[in-house]
Amino acid sequence: MKPDSTDIRACLFDLGGVVIEIDFQRAFNEWASAAGMDSRAIADRFRFDDAYSCHERGEIEASVYFNHLRTSLGIDLSDSEFARGWCAIYVGEMPGIRETLSMLATKLPLYAFTNSNPTHEQFWEVSYRDLLQPFQQVFNSSSLGCRKPELAAFQAVSLEIDIPLVNIMFFDDLQENVDGAVAAGLHAVRVASAEDVRDATTYLWPS
């Protein structure tokens, strides 16, 4: 059942793939170039593994994760070379999302929640400062100590903004995160573009 406008007291957005376009192949290309090897080999070896998840929960520092990558990818790069490639995943703002966020920000509070890490946070806080202005707060999994789609992650955000889960509309590009949000009690929408956000909200707040 679709919520009505009185049900929704805040919107919560994922960043990567919803607000900012990301492409991990760009990291693989950077690392491969620095290592003098074929980027396809890097792509084949890279995994969203336990170390990746631990890094996003803030359980291990960037230096530890980069050391893990040296072993798993078979390349001997410096931490700065890894960080440079790591931040290359950010392509630019998703088409149309700036206008959509500006419109929604006139209706109710907006927040963002990203599974991320300190290296990426330092990058997008500066490079996308203007784009992120409509958000009252951006939550980073590495600061919360838990990540989507874990129930504890959604509960932590709800507690921090003092709005019940059932009164939050959540937007993410990954089905597993949408499913986790629904299980937690949020109204959740899987999106691939700003148009999907507009389609999910225009009936609530007609222009």
Protein backbone atom coordinates (compact mmCIF):
# COMPACT_ATOMS: atom_id res chain seq x y z
CA MET A 1 0.00 0.00 0.00
CA LYS A 2 1.33 3.41 -0.96
CA PRO A 3 1.82 5.85 1.91
CA ASP A 4 0.10 9.23 1.88
CA SER A 5 1.83 12.53 2.54
CA THR A 6 0.95 12.45 6.24
CA ASP A 7 2.78 9.11 6.62
CA ILE A 8 6.11 10.45 5.35
CA ARG A 9 8.07 12.80 7.59
CA ALA A 10 11.52 12.45 5.94
CA CYS A 11 13.22 11.07 2.86
CA LEU A 12 16.44 9.06 3.12
CA PHE A 13 18.68 8.65 0.08
CA ASP A 14 21.54 6.36 -0.78
CA LEU A 15 24.38 8.32 -2.40
CA GLY A 16 26.21 6.03 -4.86
CA GLY A 17 23.95 5.14 -7.78
CA VAL A 18 21.15 7.44 -6.61
CA VAL A 19 22.67 10.89 -6.06
CA ILE A 20 26.19 10.35 -7.43
CA GLU A 21 26.99 8.06 -10.34
CA ILE A 22 29.67 5.50 -9.52
CA ASP A 23 31.72 3.14 -11.65
CA PHE A 24 34.14 0.72 -9.99
CA GLN A 25 35.79 0.02 -13.34
CA ARG A 26 37.37 3.47 -13.06
CA ALA A 27 39.18 2.31 -9.89
CA PHE A 28 40.33 -0.86 -11.61
CA ASN A 29 41.66 1.20 -14.52
CA GLU A 30 43.58 3.54 -12.18
CA TRP A 31 45.09 0.71 -10.19
CA ALA A 32 46.00 -1.26 -13.29
CA SER A 33 47.69 1.76 -14.85
CA ALA A 34 49.72 2.39 -11.69
CA ALA A 35 50.66 -1.29 -11.48
CA GLY A 36 51.42 -1.64 -15.20
CA MET A 37 48.93 -4.45 -15.81
CA ASP A 38 45.65 -5.19 -17.56
CA SER A 39 42.62 -3.76 -15.77
CA ARG A 40 40.65 -6.90 -16.60
CA ALA A 41 42.85 -8.85 -14.21
CA ILE A 42 42.08 -6.35 -11.45
CA ALA A 43 38.35 -6.54 -12.15
CA ASP A 44 38.43 -10.34 -12.08
CA ARG A 45 40.20 -10.42 -8.70
CA PHE A 46 38.24 -7.69 -6.91
CA ARG A 47 35.55 -8.86 -4.49
CA PHE A 48 33.00 -7.15 -2.26
CA ASP A 49 34.28 -9.43 0.48
CA ASP A 50 34.42 -9.46 4.28
CA ALA A 51 37.30 -6.98 4.34
CA TYR A 52 35.26 -4.61 2.16
CA SER A 53 32.30 -4.86 4.56
CA CYS A 54 34.53 -4.43 7.62
CA HIS A 55 36.03 -1.30 6.07
CA GLU A 56 32.53 0.10 5.51
CA ARG A 57 31.61 -0.61 9.13
CA GLY A 58 34.70 1.24 10.33
CA GLU A 59 36.14 -1.96 11.80
CA ILE A 60 39.40 -1.62 9.85
CA GLU A 61 41.24 1.48 8.66
CA ALA A 62 42.00 2.32 5.05
CA SER A 63 45.64 1.25 5.43
CA VAL A 64 44.52 -2.22 6.53
CA TYR A 65 42.02 -2.51 3.69
CA PHE A 66 44.57 -1.34 1.13
CA ASN A 67 47.00 -3.94 2.44
CA HIS A 68 44.26 -6.54 1.91
CA LEU A 69 43.93 -5.30 -1.68
CA ARG A 70 47.66 -5.70 -2.24
CA THR A 71 47.25 -9.39 -1.51
CA SER A 72 43.87 -10.05 -3.11
CA LEU A 73 44.62 -8.09 -6.29
CA GLY A 74 48.29 -9.04 -6.48
CA ILE A 75 49.53 -5.48 -6.93
CA ASP A 76 52.05 -3.53 -4.85
CA LEU A 77 50.77 0.05 -4.81
CA SER A 78 51.22 2.74 -2.18
CA ASP A 79 48.32 3.78 0.02
CA SER A 80 48.06 7.06 -1.90
CA GLU A 81 47.87 5.19 -5.23
CA PHE A 82 45.13 2.97 -3.85
CA ALA A 83 43.26 5.99 -2.49
CA ARG A 84 43.51 7.85 -5.80
CA GLY A 85 42.00 4.92 -7.67
CA TRP A 86 39.48 4.30 -4.88
CA CYS A 87 38.08 7.82 -5.27
CA ALA A 88 38.00 7.55 -9.06
CA ILE A 89 34.76 5.54 -8.81
CA TYR A 90 32.82 8.82 -8.54
CA VAL A 91 31.74 9.88 -12.01
CA GLY A 92 29.45 12.86 -11.36
CA GLU A 93 25.97 13.74 -10.22
CA MET A 94 23.11 11.59 -11.45
CA PRO A 95 21.17 13.42 -14.21
CA GLY A 96 18.23 15.35 -12.84
CA ILE A 97 18.83 14.50 -9.18
CA ARG A 98 19.88 18.03 -8.17
CA GLU A 99 16.53 19.47 -9.25
CA THR A 100 14.62 16.59 -7.66
CA LEU A 101 16.38 17.06 -4.32
CA SER A 102 15.80 20.80 -4.41
CA MET A 103 12.09 20.26 -4.96
CA LEU A 104 11.74 17.65 -2.22
CA ALA A 105 13.71 19.76 0.25
CA THR A 106 10.88 22.31 0.17
CA LYS A 107 8.43 19.62 1.30
CA LEU A 108 10.21 17.79 4.14
CA PRO A 109 13.66 17.00 5.64
CA LEU A 110 16.10 15.08 3.46
CA TYR A 111 18.87 12.81 4.73
CA ALA A 112 21.41 10.52 3.06
CA PHE A 113 22.78 7.18 4.19
CA THR A 114 25.68 5.62 2.33
CA ASN A 115 27.69 2.46 2.83
CA SER A 116 31.07 4.13 2.65
CA ASN A 117 34.42 4.75 4.32
CA PRO A 118 36.53 7.71 5.49
CA THR A 119 38.57 7.91 2.26
CA HIS A 120 35.44 8.25 0.14
CA GLU A 121 33.77 10.56 2.66
CA GLN A 122 36.67 13.01 2.53
CA PHE A 123 36.34 13.02 -1.26
CA TRP A 124 32.57 13.49 -1.69
CA GLU A 125 32.29 15.99 1.15
CA VAL A 126 34.49 18.34 -0.87
CA SER A 127 33.84 17.37 -4.50
CA TYR A 128 30.05 17.21 -4.14
CA ARG A 129 29.51 19.82 -1.45
CA ASP A 130 26.92 21.77 -3.47
CA LEU A 131 25.02 18.68 -4.56
CA LEU A 132 24.74 17.48 -0.97
CA GLN A 133 23.46 20.81 0.38
CA PRO A 134 19.78 19.73 0.48
CA PHE A 135 20.62 16.99 3.01
CA GLN A 136 20.33 17.93 6.66
CA GLN A 137 22.79 15.14 7.46
CA VAL A 138 24.72 12.46 5.57
CA PHE A 139 25.15 9.19 7.47
CA ASN A 140 28.20 7.08 6.70
CA SER A 141 28.19 3.38 7.61
CA SER A 142 31.80 3.56 8.79
CA SER A 143 30.79 6.14 11.39
CA LEU A 144 27.64 4.28 12.45
CA GLY A 145 29.46 0.97 12.80
CA CYS A 146 26.83 -0.84 10.75
CA ARG A 147 25.82 -0.88 7.11
CA LYS A 148 22.80 -1.37 4.90
CA PRO A 149 20.83 -3.63 4.74
CA GLU A 150 21.39 -4.43 8.44
CA LEU A 151 18.43 -3.62 10.69
CA ALA A 152 20.73 -1.91 13.19
CA ALA A 153 21.82 0.55 10.50
CA PHE A 154 18.31 1.74 9.75
CA GLN A 155 17.48 1.86 13.44
CA ALA A 156 20.54 4.00 14.13
CA VAL A 157 19.53 6.55 11.49
CA SER A 158 15.93 6.61 12.75
CA LEU A 159 17.11 7.21 16.30
CA GLU A 160 19.52 9.98 15.25
CA ILE A 161 16.91 11.95 13.27
CA ASP A 162 14.17 11.18 15.80
CA ILE A 163 11.71 9.96 13.17
CA PRO A 164 10.14 6.46 13.32
CA LEU A 165 11.15 4.04 10.60
CA VAL A 166 7.54 3.82 9.36
CA ASN A 167 7.61 7.56 8.61
CA ILE A 168 10.73 7.46 6.40
CA MET A 169 10.77 6.98 2.62
CA PHE A 170 14.05 5.41 1.50
CA PHE A 171 15.63 5.38 -1.97
CA ASP A 172 18.41 2.99 -3.01
CA ASP A 173 19.66 1.42 -6.23
CA LEU A 174 20.32 -2.04 -4.71
CA GLN A 175 17.43 -4.43 -4.19
CA GLU A 176 19.02 -6.00 -1.10
CA ASN A 177 19.07 -2.60 0.61
CA VAL A 178 15.49 -1.88 -0.42
CA ASP A 179 14.42 -5.29 0.93
CA GLY A 180 16.27 -4.64 4.18
CA ALA A 181 14.60 -1.25 4.54
CA VAL A 182 11.15 -2.71 3.95
CA ALA A 183 11.83 -5.44 6.51
CA ALA A 184 12.86 -2.71 8.97
CA GLY A 185 9.57 -0.89 8.41
CA LEU A 186 10.53 1.92 6.03
CA HIS A 187 8.74 2.78 2.81
CA ALA A 188 11.44 1.91 0.27
CA VAL A 189 11.85 2.45 -3.46
CA ARG A 190 14.47 0.97 -5.76
CA VAL A 191 15.68 3.62 -8.17
CA ALA A 192 17.87 3.79 -11.26
CA SER A 193 17.35 7.46 -12.04
CA ALA A 194 15.97 10.72 -10.69
CA GLU A 195 12.80 9.98 -12.64
CA ASP A 196 12.14 7.00 -10.36
CA VAL A 197 12.36 9.32 -7.34
CA ARG A 198 9.96 11.78 -8.93
CA ASP A 199 7.53 9.00 -9.87
CA ALA A 200 7.52 7.78 -6.26
CA THR A 201 6.92 11.21 -4.74
CA THR A 202 4.92 13.42 -7.11
CA TYR A 203 1.62 11.89 -6.06
CA LEU A 204 2.48 12.74 -2.45
CA TRP A 205 3.47 16.35 -3.10
CA PRO A 206 2.08 17.51 -6.46
CA SER A 207 3.88 20.56 -7.81
